[in-house]
C-alpha atoms as a PDB file:
ATOM      1  CA  MET A   1     -27.023 177.037 -21.173  1.00  0.00           C
ATOM      2  CA  TRP A   2     -28.561 179.016 -18.378  1.00  0.00           C
ATOM      3  CA  SER A   3     -28.618 182.769 -18.737  1.00  0.00           C
ATOM      4  CA  LEU A   4     -26.945 184.958 -16.150  1.00  0.00           C
ATOM      5  CA  ARG A   5     -30.388 186.154 -15.089  1.00  0.00           C
ATOM      6  CA  LYS A   6     -31.590 182.581 -14.412  1.00  0.00           C
ATOM      7  CA  LEU A   7     -28.439 181.716 -12.507  1.00  0.00           C
ATOM      8  CA  SER A   8     -28.753 184.845 -10.414  1.00  0.00           C
ATOM      9  CA  ALA A   9     -32.370 183.989  -9.631  1.00  0.00           C
ATOM     10  CA  VAL A  10     -31.469 180.469  -8.480  1.00  0.00           C
ATOM     11  CA  LEU A  11     -28.643 181.728  -6.285  1.00  0.00           C
ATOM     12  CA  LEU A  12     -30.911 184.389  -4.805  1.00  0.00           C
ATOM     13  CA  TYR A  13     -33.558 181.768  -4.025  1.00  0.00           C
ATOM     14  CA  ALA A  14     -30.998 179.493  -2.387  1.00  0.00           C
ATOM     15  CA  PHE A  15     -29.624 182.376  -0.326  1.00  0.00           C
ATOM     16  CA  ALA A  16     -33.131 183.329   0.776  1.00  0.00           C
ATOM     17  CA  ALA A  17     -33.828 179.722   1.803  1.00  0.00           C
ATOM     18  CA  VAL A  18     -30.743 179.735   4.016  1.00  0.00           C
ATOM     19  CA  LEU A  19     -31.806 182.994   5.623  1.00  0.00           C
ATOM     20  CA  CYS A  20     -35.367 181.846   6.190  1.00  0.00           C
ATOM     21  CA  GLY A  21     -34.366 178.515   7.694  1.00  0.00           C
ATOM     22  CA  GLN A  22     -35.802 175.092   7.076  1.00  0.00           C
ATOM     23  CA  ASN A  23     -39.429 174.111   7.366  1.00  0.00           C
ATOM     24  CA  VAL A  24     -40.922 173.175  10.717  1.00  0.00           C
ATOM     25  CA  THR A  25     -44.267 171.352  10.769  1.00  0.00           C
ATOM     26  CA  ILE A  26     -46.890 171.876  13.433  1.00  0.00           C
ATOM     27  CA  LEU A  27     -48.055 168.388  14.350  1.00  0.00           C
ATOM     28  CA  ALA A  28     -50.831 169.236  16.810  1.00  0.00           C
ATOM     29  CA  THR A  29     -52.321 172.281  18.507  1.00  0.00           C
ATOM     30  CA  LYS A  30     -54.823 172.986  21.243  1.00  0.00           C
ATOM     31  CA  GLY A  31     -56.189 176.294  22.438  1.00  0.00           C
ATOM     32  CA  ASP A  32     -54.550 179.616  21.617  1.00  0.00           C
ATOM     33  CA  VAL A  33     -51.474 178.920  19.459  1.00  0.00           C
ATOM     34  CA  GLN A  34     -50.320 181.533  16.956  1.00  0.00           C
ATOM     35  CA  VAL A  35     -47.435 181.998  14.519  1.00  0.00           C
ATOM     36  CA  GLU A  36     -45.839 185.339  13.688  1.00  0.00           C
ATOM     37  CA  GLN A  37     -45.767 186.275  10.001  1.00  0.00           C
ATOM     38  CA  PRO A  38     -42.958 188.181   8.231  1.00  0.00           C
ATOM     39  CA  ASN A  39     -45.046 191.379   8.300  1.00  0.00           C
ATOM     40  CA  GLY A  40     -45.389 191.177  12.094  1.00  0.00           C
ATOM     41  CA  THR A  41     -48.971 189.950  12.229  1.00  0.00           C
ATOM     42  CA  TRP A  42     -49.985 186.763  14.061  1.00  0.00           C
ATOM     43  CA  VAL A  43     -52.139 183.975  12.613  1.00  0.00           C
ATOM     44  CA  LYS A  44     -53.732 180.942  14.216  1.00  0.00           C
ATOM     45  CA  ALA A  45     -51.559 177.839  14.057  1.00  0.00           C
ATOM     46  CA  THR A  46     -53.156 174.659  12.729  1.00  0.00           C
ATOM     47  CA  ALA A  47     -52.045 171.051  12.507  1.00  0.00           C
ATOM     48  CA  GLY A  48     -50.060 170.473   9.322  1.00  0.00           C
ATOM     49  CA  MET A  49     -48.970 174.110   8.992  1.00  0.00           C
ATOM     50  CA  LYS A  50     -45.435 174.671   7.668  1.00  0.00           C
ATOM     51  CA  VAL A  51     -43.350 177.459   9.213  1.00  0.00           C
ATOM     52  CA  ASN A  52     -39.618 178.197   9.199  1.00  0.00           C
ATOM     53  CA  GLU A  53     -37.077 178.177  11.979  1.00  0.00           C
ATOM     54  CA  GLN A  54     -36.766 181.966  12.064  1.00  0.00           C
ATOM     55  CA  GLN A  55     -40.419 182.505  12.916  1.00  0.00           C
ATOM     56  CA  LYS A  56     -41.912 182.784  16.376  1.00  0.00           C
ATOM     57  CA  ILE A  57     -44.721 180.755  17.895  1.00  0.00           C
ATOM     58  CA  ARG A  58     -46.906 181.992  20.742  1.00  0.00           C
ATOM     59  CA  VAL A  59     -48.670 179.609  23.122  1.00  0.00           C
ATOM     60  CA  GLY A  60     -51.474 180.919  25.318  1.00  0.00           C
ATOM     61  CA  ASN A  61     -52.561 179.794  28.763  1.00  0.00           C
ATOM     62  CA  GLN A  62     -53.737 176.170  28.942  1.00  0.00           C
ATOM     63  CA  SER A  63     -52.713 175.675  25.331  1.00  0.00           C
ATOM     64  CA  TYR A  64     -50.449 173.159  23.613  1.00  0.00           C
ATOM     65  CA  ALA A  65     -48.368 172.688  20.491  1.00  0.00           C
ATOM     66  CA  ALA A  66     -46.296 169.801  19.145  1.00  0.00           C
ATOM     67  CA  LEU A  67     -43.650 170.619  16.546  1.00  0.00           C
ATOM     68  CA  VAL A  68     -41.555 168.506  14.169  1.00  0.00           C
ATOM     69  CA  PHE A  69     -38.226 169.994  13.054  1.00  0.00           C
ATOM     70  CA  PRO A  70     -35.963 168.903  10.178  1.00  0.00           C
ATOM     71  CA  GLY A  71     -34.405 165.546  10.967  1.00  0.00           C
ATOM     72  CA  ASN A  72     -37.653 164.493  12.705  1.00  0.00           C
ATOM     73  CA  LYS A  73     -36.700 166.161  15.969  1.00  0.00           C
ATOM     74  CA  THR A  74     -39.716 167.033  18.099  1.00  0.00           C
ATOM     75  CA  ARG A  75     -40.719 169.558  20.732  1.00  0.00           C
ATOM     76  CA  GLU A  76     -43.841 169.903  22.861  1.00  0.00           C
ATOM     77  CA  LEU A  77     -44.887 173.325  24.196  1.00  0.00           C
ATOM     78  CA  ARG A  78     -47.196 173.487  27.207  1.00  0.00           C
ATOM     79  CA  GLN A  79     -46.025 176.595  29.047  1.00  0.00           C
ATOM     80  CA  ALA A  80     -47.496 179.902  27.923  1.00  0.00           C
ATOM     81  CA  GLY A  81     -45.010 182.170  26.179  1.00  0.00           C
ATOM     82  CA  THR A  82     -43.445 183.254  22.908  1.00  0.00           C
ATOM     83  CA  TYR A  83     -40.751 181.025  21.404  1.00  0.00           C
ATOM     84  CA  VAL A  84     -38.281 181.432  18.546  1.00  0.00           C
ATOM     85  CA  LEU A  85     -38.294 178.112  16.712  1.00  0.00           C
ATOM     86  CA  SER A  86     -34.553 178.083  16.022  1.00  0.00           C
ATOM     87  CA  GLN A  87     -33.868 178.577  19.727  1.00  0.00           C
ATOM     88  CA  LEU A  88     -36.175 175.683  20.587  1.00  0.00           C
ATOM     89  CA  LEU A  89     -34.213 173.407  18.304  1.00  0.00           C
ATOM     90  CA  ALA A  90     -30.916 174.582  19.818  1.00  0.00           C
ATOM     91  CA  GLN A  91     -32.075 173.363  23.221  1.00  0.00           C
ATOM     92  CA  LYS A  92     -31.006 169.732  23.568  1.00  0.00           C
ATOM     93  CA  SER A  93     -33.766 167.193  24.116  1.00  0.00           C
ATOM     94  CA  SER A  94     -33.445 163.632  25.413  1.00  0.00           C
ATOM     95  CA  VAL A  95     -35.236 162.262  22.333  1.00  0.00           C
ATOM     96  CA  ASP A  96     -33.119 164.057  19.718  1.00  0.00           C
ATOM     97  CA  ASP A  97     -30.766 161.117  19.253  1.00  0.00           C
ATOM     98  CA  ASN A  98     -33.363 158.414  19.811  1.00  0.00           C
ATOM     99  CA  PRO A  99     -33.425 156.292  16.619  1.00  0.00           C
ATOM    100  CA  TYR A 100     -36.858 154.902  17.467  1.00  0.00           C
ATOM    101  CA  ALA A 101     -38.410 158.332  17.916  1.00  0.00           C
ATOM    102  CA  VAL A 102     -36.820 159.625  14.713  1.00  0.00           C
ATOM    103  CA  ARG A 103     -38.016 156.594  12.745  1.00  0.00           C
ATOM    104  CA  TYR A 104     -41.660 156.895  13.730  1.00  0.00           C
ATOM    105  CA  THR A 105     -41.851 160.683  13.894  1.00  0.00           C
ATOM    106  CA  GLY A 106     -41.517 160.819  10.114  1.00  0.00           C
ATOM    107  CA  TYR A 107     -44.331 158.341   9.690  1.00  0.00           C
ATOM    108  CA  ILE A 108     -46.630 160.033  12.169  1.00  0.00           C
ATOM    109  CA  LEU A 109     -45.947 163.416  10.602  1.00  0.00           C
ATOM    110  CA  ASN A 110     -46.999 162.200   7.149  1.00  0.00           C
ATOM    111  CA  GLN A 111     -50.163 160.612   8.511  1.00  0.00           C
ATOM    112  CA  ALA A 112     -51.108 163.627  10.626  1.00  0.00           C
ATOM    113  CA  VAL A 113     -50.676 166.072   7.756  1.00  0.00           C
ATOM    114  CA  ALA A 114     -52.693 163.812   5.440  1.00  0.00           C
ATOM    115  CA  SER A 115     -55.417 163.317   8.049  1.00  0.00           C
ATOM    116  CA  THR A 116     -55.846 167.046   8.759  1.00  0.00           C
ATOM    117  CA  ALA A 117     -55.725 168.162   5.130  1.00  0.00           C
ATOM    118  CA  GLY A 118     -58.953 169.900   4.198  1.00  0.00           C
ATOM    119  CA  ARG A 119     -60.412 169.488   7.683  1.00  0.00           C
ATOM    120  CA  ALA A 120     -61.455 172.410   9.845  1.00  0.00           C
ATOM    121  CA  SER A 121     -59.346 172.632  12.990  1.00  0.00           C
ATOM    122  CA  GLY A 122     -60.946 171.116  16.061  1.00  0.00           C
ATOM    123  CA  LYS A 123     -63.479 168.984  14.180  1.00  0.00           C
ATOM    124  CA  THR A 124     -63.269 165.224  14.274  1.00  0.00           C
ATOM    125  CA  LEU A 125     -63.515 162.711  11.467  1.00  0.00           C
ATOM    126  CA  GLY A 126     -65.923 160.391  13.178  1.00  0.00           C
ATOM    127  CA  ALA A 127     -65.434 160.400  16.949  1.00  0.00           C
ATOM    128  CA  VAL A 128     -69.135 160.866  17.526  1.00  0.00           C
ATOM    129  CA  THR A 129     -71.673 159.405  19.888  1.00  0.00           C
ATOM    130  CA  ARG A 130     -74.024 157.282  17.821  1.00  0.00           C
ATOM    131  CA  SER A 131     -77.747 157.045  18.389  1.00  0.00           C
ATOM    132  CA  THR A 132     -78.090 153.610  16.802  1.00  0.00           C
ATOM    133  CA  MET A 133     -78.790 150.679  19.116  1.00  0.00           C
ATOM    134  CA  ALA A 134     -75.788 148.703  17.805  1.00  0.00           C
ATOM    135  CA  PRO A 135     -72.389 150.112  18.811  1.00  0.00           C
ATOM    136  CA  ALA A 136     -69.997 151.010  16.000  1.00  0.00           C
ATOM    137  CA  PRO A 137     -66.539 149.373  16.225  1.00  0.00           C
ATOM    138  CA  ARG A 138     -63.563 151.698  16.589  1.00  0.00           C
ATOM    139  CA  THR A 139     -60.909 148.977  16.283  1.00  0.00           C
ATOM    140  CA  PRO A 140     -60.152 148.736  12.546  1.00  0.00           C
ATOM    141  CA  ALA A 141     -60.738 145.529  10.631  1.00  0.00           C
ATOM    142  CA  GLN A 142     -57.717 143.300   9.927  1.00  0.00           C
ATOM    143  CA  SER A 143     -56.053 144.238  13.219  1.00  0.00           C
ATOM    144  CA  SER A 144     -53.414 141.849  14.507  1.00  0.00           C
ATOM    145  CA  PHE A 145     -52.795 141.209  18.202  1.00  0.00           C
ATOM    146  CA  TYR A 146     -50.432 139.474  20.556  1.00  0.00           C
ATOM    147  CA  ALA A 147     -52.099 136.269  21.724  1.00  0.00           C
ATOM    148  CA  GLU A 148     -52.158 137.394  25.358  1.00  0.00           C
ATOM    149  CA  LYS A 149     -53.580 140.861  24.714  1.00  0.00           C
ATOM    150  CA  ILE A 150     -56.601 141.337  22.481  1.00  0.00           C
ATOM    151  CA  VAL A 151     -58.242 144.760  22.681  1.00  0.00           C
ATOM    152  CA  PHE A 152     -61.465 146.006  21.117  1.00  0.00           C
ATOM    153  CA  ALA A 153     -63.021 149.470  21.245  1.00  0.00           C
ATOM    154  CA  TRP A 154     -66.355 150.875  20.090  1.00  0.00           C
ATOM    155  CA  ASP A 155     -68.490 154.023  20.206  1.00  0.00           C
ATOM    156  CA  ARG A 156     -70.663 154.676  23.224  1.00  0.00           C
ATOM    157  CA  VAL A 157     -74.402 154.147  22.868  1.00  0.00           C
ATOM    158  CA  PRO A 158     -76.430 156.660  24.951  1.00  0.00           C
ATOM    159  CA  GLY A 159     -78.515 155.042  27.656  1.00  0.00           C
ATOM    160  CA  SER A 160     -76.780 151.699  27.360  1.00  0.00           C
ATOM    161  CA  GLU A 161     -76.930 149.469  30.437  1.00  0.00           C
ATOM    162  CA  GLY A 162     -73.761 147.676  29.369  1.00  0.00           C
ATOM    163  CA  TYR A 163     -72.292 145.861  26.387  1.00  0.00           C
ATOM    164  CA  ILE A 164     -71.741 142.288  25.232  1.00  0.00           C
ATOM    165  CA  VAL A 165     -68.610 141.470  23.245  1.00  0.00           C
ATOM    166  CA  GLN A 166     -68.528 138.226  21.262  1.00  0.00           C
ATOM    167  CA  ILE A 167     -65.734 136.482  19.385  1.00  0.00           C
ATOM    168  CA  LEU A 168     -66.554 134.090  16.549  1.00  0.00           C
ATOM    169  CA  ASP A 169     -64.379 131.544  14.787  1.00  0.00           C
ATOM    170  CA  ASP A 170     -63.959 131.339  11.029  1.00  0.00           C
ATOM    171  CA  THR A 171     -67.142 129.248  10.747  1.00  0.00           C
ATOM    172  CA  GLY A 172     -69.278 131.807  12.575  1.00  0.00           C
ATOM    173  CA  GLN A 173     -69.523 129.927  15.877  1.00  0.00           C
ATOM    174  CA  ILE A 174     -69.323 132.003  19.076  1.00  0.00           C
ATOM    175  CA  ILE A 175     -66.241 130.943  21.040  1.00  0.00           C
ATOM    176  CA  HIS A 176     -66.175 133.729  23.627  1.00  0.00           C
ATOM    177  CA  ALA A 177     -68.681 136.180  25.110  1.00  0.00           C
ATOM    178  CA  GLN A 178     -68.033 138.843  27.716  1.00  0.00           C
ATOM    179  CA  GLU A 179     -70.128 141.544  29.354  1.00  0.00           C
ATOM    180  CA  VAL A 180     -68.704 145.042  29.768  1.00  0.00           C
ATOM    181  CA  ALA A 181     -69.947 147.801  32.077  1.00  0.00           C
ATOM    182  CA  ALA A 182     -71.942 150.706  30.655  1.00  0.00           C
ATOM    183  CA  ASP A 183     -69.220 153.255  31.409  1.00  0.00           C
ATOM    184  CA  GLN A 184     -66.627 151.386  29.335  1.00  0.00           C
ATOM    185  CA  THR A 185     -66.214 151.355  25.554  1.00  0.00           C
ATOM    186  CA  ALA A 186     -63.223 149.027  25.338  1.00  0.00           C
ATOM    187  CA  VAL A 187     -62.236 145.604  26.562  1.00  0.00           C
ATOM    188  CA  GLU A 188     -58.957 143.704  26.901  1.00  0.00           C
ATOM    189  CA  ILE A 189     -59.066 139.913  26.643  1.00  0.00           C
ATOM    190  CA  SER A 190     -56.094 137.877  27.826  1.00  0.00           C
ATOM    191  CA  THR A 191     -57.512 134.367  28.210  1.00  0.00           C
ATOM    192  CA  LEU A 192     -57.861 133.178  24.595  1.00  0.00           C
ATOM    193  CA  GLY A 193     -54.238 132.858  23.525  1.00  0.00           C
ATOM    194  CA  ASN A 194     -54.192 129.054  23.455  1.00  0.00           C
ATOM    195  CA  LYS A 195     -57.557 128.809  21.715  1.00  0.00           C
ATOM    196  CA  LEU A 196     -56.805 130.985  18.682  1.00  0.00           C
ATOM    197  CA  LYS A 197     -54.575 129.951  15.777  1.00  0.00           C
ATOM    198  CA  PRO A 198     -52.120 132.479  14.316  1.00  0.00           C
ATOM    199  CA  GLY A 199     -53.090 133.958  10.967  1.00  0.00           C
ATOM    200  CA  VAL A 200     -56.723 132.774  11.019  1.00  0.00           C
ATOM    201  CA  CYS A 201     -59.398 135.442  10.465  1.00  0.00           C
ATOM    202  CA  TYR A 202     -61.524 135.448  13.611  1.00  0.00           C
ATOM    203  CA  TYR A 203     -64.349 137.930  14.130  1.00  0.00           C
ATOM    204  CA  TRP A 204     -65.574 140.127  16.920  1.00  0.00           C
ATOM    205  CA  ARG A 205     -68.779 142.063  17.393  1.00  0.00           C
ATOM    206  CA  VAL A 206     -70.456 144.073  20.128  1.00  0.00           C
ATOM    207  CA  SER A 207     -74.029 144.782  21.177  1.00  0.00           C
ATOM    208  CA  THR A 208     -75.763 146.524  24.044  1.00  0.00           C
ATOM    209  CA  ARG A 209     -77.201 144.414  26.824  1.00  0.00           C
ATOM    210  CA  ARG A 210     -80.640 145.952  26.214  1.00  0.00           C
ATOM    211  CA  HIS A 211     -80.605 144.989  22.527  1.00  0.00           C
ATOM    212  CA  ALA A 212     -78.373 141.926  22.614  1.00  0.00           C
ATOM    213  CA  SER A 213     -79.534 140.636  19.226  1.00  0.00           C
ATOM    214  CA  LEU A 214     -78.498 143.829  17.410  1.00  0.00           C
ATOM    215  CA  HIS A 215     -74.780 143.393  16.846  1.00  0.00           C
ATOM    216  CA  SER A 216     -72.211 145.553  15.201  1.00  0.00           C
ATOM    217  CA  THR A 217     -70.712 144.322  11.936  1.00  0.00           C
ATOM    218  CA  ASN A 218     -68.547 141.218  12.312  1.00  0.00           C
ATOM    219  CA  THR A 219     -64.972 142.539  12.193  1.00  0.00           C
ATOM    220  CA  CYS A 220     -61.984 140.373  11.263  1.00  0.00           C
ATOM    221  CA  PHE A 221     -58.880 140.189  13.460  1.00  0.00           C
ATOM    222  CA  ARG A 222     -55.878 137.876  13.668  1.00  0.00           C
ATOM    223  CA  ILE A 223     -53.341 136.619  16.189  1.00  0.00           C
ATOM    224  CA  LEU A 224     -49.624 136.967  15.495  1.00  0.00           C
ATOM    225  CA  SER A 225     -47.420 133.908  15.335  1.00  0.00           C
ATOM    226  CA  ALA A 226     -45.046 133.473  18.263  1.00  0.00           C
ATOM    227  CA  ASP A 227     -41.975 134.300  16.136  1.00  0.00           C
ATOM    228  CA  LYS A 228     -43.449 137.450  14.638  1.00  0.00           C
ATOM    229  CA  ALA A 229     -44.805 138.580  18.006  1.00  0.00           C
ATOM    230  CA  ALA A 230     -41.376 138.128  19.611  1.00  0.00           C
ATOM    231  CA  ALA A 231     -39.682 140.219  16.916  1.00  0.00           C
ATOM    232  CA  ILE A 232     -42.192 143.055  17.207  1.00  0.00           C
ATOM    233  CA  LYS A 233     -42.104 142.999  21.012  1.00  0.00           C
ATOM    234  CA  LYS A 234     -38.322 143.355  20.986  1.00  0.00           C
ATOM    235  CA  GLU A 235     -38.524 146.576  19.009  1.00  0.00           C
ATOM    236  CA  GLU A 236     -41.505 147.765  21.036  1.00  0.00           C
ATOM    237  CA  GLU A 237     -39.517 147.389  24.253  1.00  0.00           C
ATOM    238  CA  GLY A 238     -36.724 149.519  22.806  1.00  0.00           C
ATOM    239  CA  LEU A 239     -39.218 152.179  21.760  1.00  0.00           C
ATOM    240  CA  ARG A 240     -40.927 152.248  25.155  1.00  0.00           C
ATOM    241  CA  ARG A 241     -37.576 152.715  26.915  1.00  0.00           C
ATOM    242  CA  ASN A 242     -36.741 155.744  24.820  1.00  0.00           C
ATOM    243  CA  ILE A 243     -39.951 157.777  24.720  1.00  0.00           C
ATOM    244  CA  ASP A 244     -42.076 159.393  27.408  1.00  0.00           C
ATOM    245  CA  LEU A 245     -45.394 157.563  27.380  1.00  0.00           C
ATOM    246  CA  ASN A 246     -46.827 160.096  29.811  1.00  0.00           C
ATOM    247  CA  THR A 247     -46.959 162.613  26.964  1.00  0.00           C
ATOM    248  CA  ALA A 248     -49.342 162.812  24.041  1.00  0.00           C
ATOM    249  CA  LEU A 249     -46.444 162.833  21.591  1.00  0.00           C
ATOM    250  CA  GLY A 250     -44.982 159.687  23.169  1.00  0.00           C
ATOM    251  CA  GLN A 251     -48.316 157.883  22.836  1.00  0.00           C
ATOM    252  CA  ALA A 252     -48.636 159.080  19.242  1.00  0.00           C
ATOM    253  CA  LEU A 253     -45.199 157.658  18.439  1.00  0.00           C
ATOM    254  CA  LEU A 254     -46.212 154.354  20.033  1.00  0.00           C
ATOM    255  CA  GLY A 255     -49.386 154.414  17.938  1.00  0.00           C
ATOM    256  CA  ALA A 256     -47.318 154.962  14.797  1.00  0.00           C
ATOM    257  CA  PHE A 257     -45.179 151.941  15.681  1.00  0.00           C
ATOM    258  CA  TYR A 258     -48.261 149.764  16.117  1.00  0.00           C
ATOM    259  CA  GLU A 259     -49.862 151.079  12.932  1.00  0.00           C
ATOM    260  CA  GLN A 260     -46.811 150.343  10.808  1.00  0.00           C
ATOM    261  CA  ASN A 261     -46.750 146.792  12.158  1.00  0.00           C
ATOM    262  CA  GLY A 262     -50.431 146.141  11.477  1.00  0.00           C
ATOM    263  CA  LEU A 263     -51.400 146.184  15.177  1.00  0.00           C
ATOM    264  CA  TYR A 264     -54.248 148.561  14.466  1.00  0.00           C
ATOM    265  CA  GLY A 265     -56.200 147.865  17.645  1.00  0.00           C
ATOM    266  CA  TYR A 266     -53.210 148.852  19.772  1.00  0.00           C
ATOM    267  CA  ALA A 267     -52.588 151.842  17.486  1.00  0.00           C
ATOM    268  CA  TRP A 268     -56.105 153.175  17.983  1.00  0.00           C
ATOM    269  CA  SER A 269     -55.742 152.808  21.764  1.00  0.00           C
ATOM    270  CA  ALA A 270     -52.415 154.684  21.758  1.00  0.00           C
ATOM    271  CA  TYR A 271     -53.770 157.500  19.587  1.00  0.00           C
ATOM    272  CA  ASN A 272     -56.817 157.682  21.831  1.00  0.00           C
ATOM    273  CA  GLN A 273     -54.518 157.972  24.859  1.00  0.00           C
ATOM    274  CA  ALA A 274     -52.747 160.867  23.135  1.00  0.00           C
ATOM    275  CA  VAL A 275     -56.124 162.574  22.742  1.00  0.00           C
ATOM    276  CA  THR A 276     -56.890 161.886  26.399  1.00  0.00           C
ATOM    277  CA  LEU A 277     -53.587 163.436  27.512  1.00  0.00           C
ATOM    278  CA  GLU A 278     -54.109 166.521  25.340  1.00  0.00           C
ATOM    279  CA  PRO A 279     -57.895 166.787  24.878  1.00  0.00           C
ATOM    280  CA  GLY A 280     -58.875 168.717  21.793  1.00  0.00           C
ATOM    281  CA  ALA A 281     -55.418 168.698  20.169  1.00  0.00           C
ATOM    282  CA  ASP A 282     -56.566 168.504  16.569  1.00  0.00           C
ATOM    283  CA  GLY A 283     -53.582 166.645  15.142  1.00  0.00           C
ATOM    284  CA  TYR A 284     -53.987 163.758  17.573  1.00  0.00           C
ATOM    285  CA  VAL A 285     -57.751 163.612  17.045  1.00  0.00           C
ATOM    286  CA  ALA A 286     -57.183 163.362  13.306  1.00  0.00           C
ATOM    287  CA  LEU A 287     -54.582 160.616  13.735  1.00  0.00           C
ATOM    288  CA  ARG A 288     -57.022 158.548  15.769  1.00  0.00           C
ATOM    289  CA  ASP A 289     -60.192 159.131  13.794  1.00  0.00           C
ATOM    290  CA  ALA A 290     -58.634 158.677  10.336  1.00  0.00           C
ATOM    291  CA  LEU A 291     -56.950 155.385  11.273  1.00  0.00           C
ATOM    292  CA  PRO A 292     -59.703 153.119   9.839  1.00  0.00           C
ATOM    293  CA  GLN A 293     -59.559 155.042   6.564  1.00  0.00           C
ATOM    294  CA  ARG A 294     -55.776 154.683   6.378  1.00  0.00           C
ATOM    295  CA  VAL A 295     -56.061 150.958   7.088  1.00  0.00           C
ATOM    296  CA  SER A 296     -58.679 150.592   4.360  1.00  0.00           C
ATOM    297  CA  GLN A 297     -56.503 152.477   1.867  1.00  0.00           C
ATOM    298  CA  GLN A 298     -53.511 150.327   2.746  1.00  0.00           C
ATOM    299  CA  ALA A 299     -55.591 147.183   2.225  1.00  0.00           C
ATOM    300  CA  SER A 300     -56.692 148.461  -1.198  1.00  0.00           C
ATOM    301  CA  VAL A 301     -53.079 149.100  -2.207  1.00  0.00           C
ATOM    302  CA  SER A 302     -52.050 145.617  -1.059  1.00  0.00           C
ATOM    303  CA  VAL A 303     -54.848 143.989  -3.074  1.00  0.00           C
ATOM    304  CA  SER A 304     -53.996 145.971  -6.225  1.00  0.00           C
ATOM    305  CA  GLU A 305     -50.336 144.962  -5.950  1.00  0.00           C
END
């Protein structure tokens, strides 16, 4: 039996939890974002930080914060000012009752917190300009695509005069080659749908025009079957109707949808768009740059099972 002292301690803890409010997670920050502490001091907010609903958050000029509340409700703060978190939650948002947003907010939150753990705020996990002559792929291996929309991305090579993207079949024969301008580090291909079989591991690689024989590593990708593509597209359409894709958070949610469905190339593009919309927001940078590592870990789990 519990002693009276233990019971009193548990009840006191529960009462304190009610007073303090539930945890709120900071998903992404940029610029001057601070959180008030119980003693009245202010500390720098970082992606993955847990705060409670009774605390205040202060956003400076040209700064940004994305917050995830209990129940996977989200808020973005762009206007400078000081906000009480509980009051933010009390303000109704159009996405609060959106089942798609709620579903993928939980996923994106877990990935963002994991990706930023142990990483200094503002530093990337690999979004660097490489000096090697062969571009490094950014689209993760084992990405799946709709037949009519294949997208590849890679790191910029300084001084490049342009790039050459090649697609190879499962025997290693080149079945498509395309030149890309020097100011682009991504390509969308929409003309190969009828030539590629669903489920087959095809490969893509990229080189610079100046050093055309020095390719990146051959990277496997696959095309979805018509039935599976139709099912995913149906849910994607519902998601797109219910989120604001002109915001970084909306693009991050779209990226989470793609990632969970194995469409890693689309996921990387969506996360990259989130970074573009809110440059320097550390949570979004981490989501994008840690994607290949998450894909690799998922593949390892699948093999072990």
